[in-house]
Amino acid sequence: MQEILSATSFIAIYGLSYGVVLFLISIGLVVTMGLMRVVNMAHGVFAAWGGYIMVNMMNAWGASYYVAMVGAILVIALVSVLVERIFFFKLYGAPELEQALLTIGLAFIGVASLNLAFGPDIVAARLPAELGASIDFAGRSVQAYRLFIIAFGAAVMLVLWYIFDRTSFGARLRAAVDNRGMAAAVGINVRRLFSIAFALGSGLAALGSAIGVAVLPLEPMYPLKYLVLILIVVAMSGAGNVKLAAGVSLGLGVVDTAGRYFHPEIGSFLIYIAMLVYLMARGGKLAAVHAR
């Protein structure tokens, strides 16, 4: 029984913390692909640069973990506004193939820039003493960092749900997506609205990379290496559904952690099996609805 409890607590804590990191990185793409209808294959570049900026601020400038995290988020959010105005604004309403081709090109440029600026090796980040310490929790020794990620992620999820579902910003954003011309006609500044949403999504990607720097290691191939995981969350969440994206991310984190814990040799494939089962089940329900 003790072994079962120990395994369960390990999978829950480490799986949920992994899921939170996936959510924070993916939610920006859930917004841009779901609400703004933009296939942004370069989303991981903003996440990777956010993590690298945070680590560089800590190592080169001596900034604390928390100050460096905030600084990285702000830098990426501001830079993303410029990138959105130059590259993405003209993609709104463009065919999906054009969006995918341009953004995958930007992703390769991002990988090359990371390799040029920081080298090809994995970059390690030092956690503050309070997060690197181990504490007794649920019958086992757990790194405080993992519990911090879970608590912080829960707070972010609640804030995002409130912003998109309960504020005028969320209502105006949904209106602009549904009927851009009508939204502009009633006085909504659609261009500024989309720029703010894009900056928010990019900043969240940087936050996910920064807070998860010890979960998903930083390397130049980061934008492409984790792109499939990000797209899985988007595909399983649907159009701009923040609550479902949170549930999907946490579920995938737990499934992946459980698979690697019990069957390390095949555990990494379980997340893809879970995706296939989910999408097939959802497709069957949609087919049944249309048949009626």
Foldseek 3Di string as FASTA:
>chain_A
DLVVLVLVVVLQLQLQLQLLLLLLQQLLVLACCFLQVFDQLQSQLLQLQLQVQLQCCCPVVVDALVVSNVVSLVVSLVVQLVVCVVPVVVCRVPDRVVRVVVNVVVNVVSLVVCCVPPNFDWDAHDHPPQQQDWDDDSSDTDRNLSVVSNVVSVVVLVVVCCCLPPDVLNVLSNVCRVPVVVSVVVPDPNSVSVSNSSSSSSSSSSSSSSSCCVPDIRGSCRSVVCSVVSVLLSVLQHRSNSVSSSVLSSVLSSQLSSLCVPPVVCSNCRSVVVSVVSVVVVVVVVVVVVVD
